[in-house]
């Protein structure tokens, strides 16, 4: 089995973008909850979860390597956003 570096890099970048979007939405979600705007916060929470799940299902459909590498990209985005 040949591992294509660009294919893995694309999955890493895709996971990082997915993670970045997830954590930006999480920041907005926290502000909405803190401001007492519960309904928009719940809707955003649901959308954030659905998009993340759909993204990882898409990576899983491509195979184990893209799924694992995209999770690594997601964790890199988490580390950057939490700092």
C-alpha atoms as a PDB file:
ATOM      1  CA  UNK A   1       0.000   0.000   0.000  1.00  0.00           C
ATOM      2  CA  UNK A   2       1.398   3.336  -1.029  1.00  0.00           C
ATOM      3  CA  UNK A   3       0.742   6.330   1.200  1.00  0.00           C
ATOM      4  CA  UNK A   4       0.343   9.536  -0.719  1.00  0.00           C
ATOM      5  CA  UNK A   5       1.856  12.406   1.272  1.00  0.00           C
ATOM      6  CA  UNK A   6      -0.369  15.015  -0.369  1.00  0.00           C
ATOM      7  CA  UNK A   7      -3.429  12.903   0.422  1.00  0.00           C
ATOM      8  CA  UNK A   8      -2.416  12.735   4.106  1.00  0.00           C
ATOM      9  CA  UNK A   9      -1.552  16.443   4.166  1.00  0.00           C
ATOM     10  CA  UNK A  10      -4.972  17.251   2.705  1.00  0.00           C
ATOM     11  CA  UNK A  11      -6.640  15.238   5.471  1.00  0.00           C
ATOM     12  CA  UNK A  12      -4.488  17.023   8.073  1.00  0.00           C
ATOM     13  CA  UNK A  13      -5.433  20.410   6.643  1.00  0.00           C
ATOM     14  CA  UNK A  14      -9.099  19.407   6.413  1.00  0.00           C
ATOM     15  CA  UNK A  15      -9.083  18.284  10.040  1.00  0.00           C
ATOM     16  CA  UNK A  16      -7.431  21.534  11.097  1.00  0.00           C
ATOM     17  CA  UNK A  17     -10.045  23.587   9.239  1.00  0.00           C
ATOM     18  CA  UNK A  18     -12.820  21.475  10.758  1.00  0.00           C
ATOM     19  CA  UNK A  19     -11.292  21.933  14.217  1.00  0.00           C
ATOM     20  CA  UNK A  20     -10.800  25.660  13.725  1.00  0.00           C
ATOM     21  CA  UNK A  21     -14.420  26.098  12.705  1.00  0.00           C
ATOM     22  CA  UNK A  22     -15.543  23.937  15.629  1.00  0.00           C
ATOM     23  CA  UNK A  23     -13.661  25.964  18.225  1.00  0.00           C
ATOM     24  CA  UNK A  24     -14.616  29.348  16.762  1.00  0.00           C
ATOM     25  CA  UNK A  25     -18.239  28.222  16.916  1.00  0.00           C
ATOM     26  CA  UNK A  26     -17.641  27.016  20.484  1.00  0.00           C
ATOM     27  CA  UNK A  27     -16.403  30.485  21.450  1.00  0.00           C
ATOM     28  CA  UNK A  28     -19.525  32.062  19.942  1.00  0.00           C
ATOM     29  CA  UNK A  29     -21.630  29.400  21.654  1.00  0.00           C
ATOM     30  CA  UNK A  30     -20.229  30.266  25.072  1.00  0.00           C
ATOM     31  CA  UNK A  31     -20.946  33.966  24.510  1.00  0.00           C
ATOM     32  CA  UNK A  32     -24.518  33.181  23.518  1.00  0.00           C
ATOM     33  CA  UNK A  33     -25.083  31.070  26.628  1.00  0.00           C
ATOM     34  CA  UNK A  34     -23.462  33.740  28.820  1.00  0.00           C
ATOM     35  CA  UNK A  35     -25.717  36.427  27.352  1.00  0.00           C
ATOM     36  CA  UNK A  36     -28.791  34.324  28.096  1.00  0.00           C
ATOM     37  CA  UNK A  37     -29.618  33.723  24.424  1.00  0.00           C
ATOM     38  CA  UNK A  38     -30.395  30.055  24.919  1.00  0.00           C
ATOM     39  CA  UNK A  39     -32.287  29.193  21.715  1.00  0.00           C
ATOM     40  CA  UNK A  40     -29.591  30.486  19.305  1.00  0.00           C
ATOM     41  CA  UNK A  41     -26.977  28.807  21.501  1.00  0.00           C
ATOM     42  CA  UNK A  42     -28.742  25.447  21.285  1.00  0.00           C
ATOM     43  CA  UNK A  43     -29.136  25.764  17.507  1.00  0.00           C
ATOM     44  CA  UNK A  44     -25.447  26.634  17.099  1.00  0.00           C
ATOM     45  CA  UNK A  45     -24.497  23.768  19.416  1.00  0.00           C
ATOM     46  CA  UNK A  46     -26.491  21.328  17.274  1.00  0.00           C
ATOM     47  CA  UNK A  47     -25.015  22.677  14.021  1.00  0.00           C
ATOM     48  CA  UNK A  48     -21.493  22.534  15.432  1.00  0.00           C
ATOM     49  CA  UNK A  49     -21.974  18.905  16.440  1.00  0.00           C
ATOM     50  CA  UNK A  50     -23.641  17.862  13.174  1.00  0.00           C
ATOM     51  CA  UNK A  51     -20.946  19.469  11.007  1.00  0.00           C
ATOM     52  CA  UNK A  52     -18.141  17.881  13.032  1.00  0.00           C
ATOM     53  CA  UNK A  53     -19.749  14.445  12.917  1.00  0.00           C
ATOM     54  CA  UNK A  54     -20.412  14.752   9.181  1.00  0.00           C
ATOM     55  CA  UNK A  55     -16.817  15.830   8.580  1.00  0.00           C
ATOM     56  CA  UNK A  56     -15.365  12.875  10.438  1.00  0.00           C
ATOM     57  CA  UNK A  57     -17.781  10.477   8.729  1.00  0.00           C
ATOM     58  CA  UNK A  58     -16.543  11.870   5.427  1.00  0.00           C
ATOM     59  CA  UNK A  59     -12.932  11.293   6.434  1.00  0.00           C
ATOM     60  CA  UNK A  60     -13.807   7.776   7.635  1.00  0.00           C
ATOM     61  CA  UNK A  61     -15.334   7.033   4.227  1.00  0.00           C
ATOM     62  CA  UNK A  62     -11.935   7.805   2.693  1.00  0.00           C
ATOM     63  CA  UNK A  63     -10.190   5.279   4.934  1.00  0.00           C
ATOM     64  CA  UNK A  64      -8.436   4.858   8.245  1.00  0.00           C
ATOM     65  CA  UNK A  65      -5.419   7.020   7.413  1.00  0.00           C
ATOM     66  CA  UNK A  66      -7.414  10.148   6.484  1.00  0.00           C
ATOM     67  CA  UNK A  67      -9.576   9.691   9.579  1.00  0.00           C
ATOM     68  CA  UNK A  68      -6.602   9.443  11.934  1.00  0.00           C
ATOM     69  CA  UNK A  69      -4.673  12.268  10.266  1.00  0.00           C
ATOM     70  CA  UNK A  70      -7.739  14.534  10.239  1.00  0.00           C
ATOM     71  CA  UNK A  71      -8.198  13.902  13.951  1.00  0.00           C
ATOM     72  CA  UNK A  72      -4.587  14.997  14.384  1.00  0.00           C
ATOM     73  CA  UNK A  73      -5.375  18.208  12.498  1.00  0.00           C
ATOM     74  CA  UNK A  74      -8.436  18.736  14.683  1.00  0.00           C
ATOM     75  CA  UNK A  75      -6.272  18.382  17.802  1.00  0.00           C
ATOM     76  CA  UNK A  76      -3.701  20.816  16.414  1.00  0.00           C
ATOM     77  CA  UNK A  77      -6.489  23.352  15.880  1.00  0.00           C
ATOM     78  CA  UNK A  78      -7.679  22.704  19.439  1.00  0.00           C
ATOM     79  CA  UNK A  79      -4.219  23.369  20.791  1.00  0.00           C
ATOM     80  CA  UNK A  80      -3.924  26.618  18.810  1.00  0.00           C
ATOM     81  CA  UNK A  81      -7.410  27.861  19.760  1.00  0.00           C
ATOM     82  CA  UNK A  82      -7.071  27.105  23.477  1.00  0.00           C
ATOM     83  CA  UNK A  83      -3.817  29.044  23.839  1.00  0.00           C
END
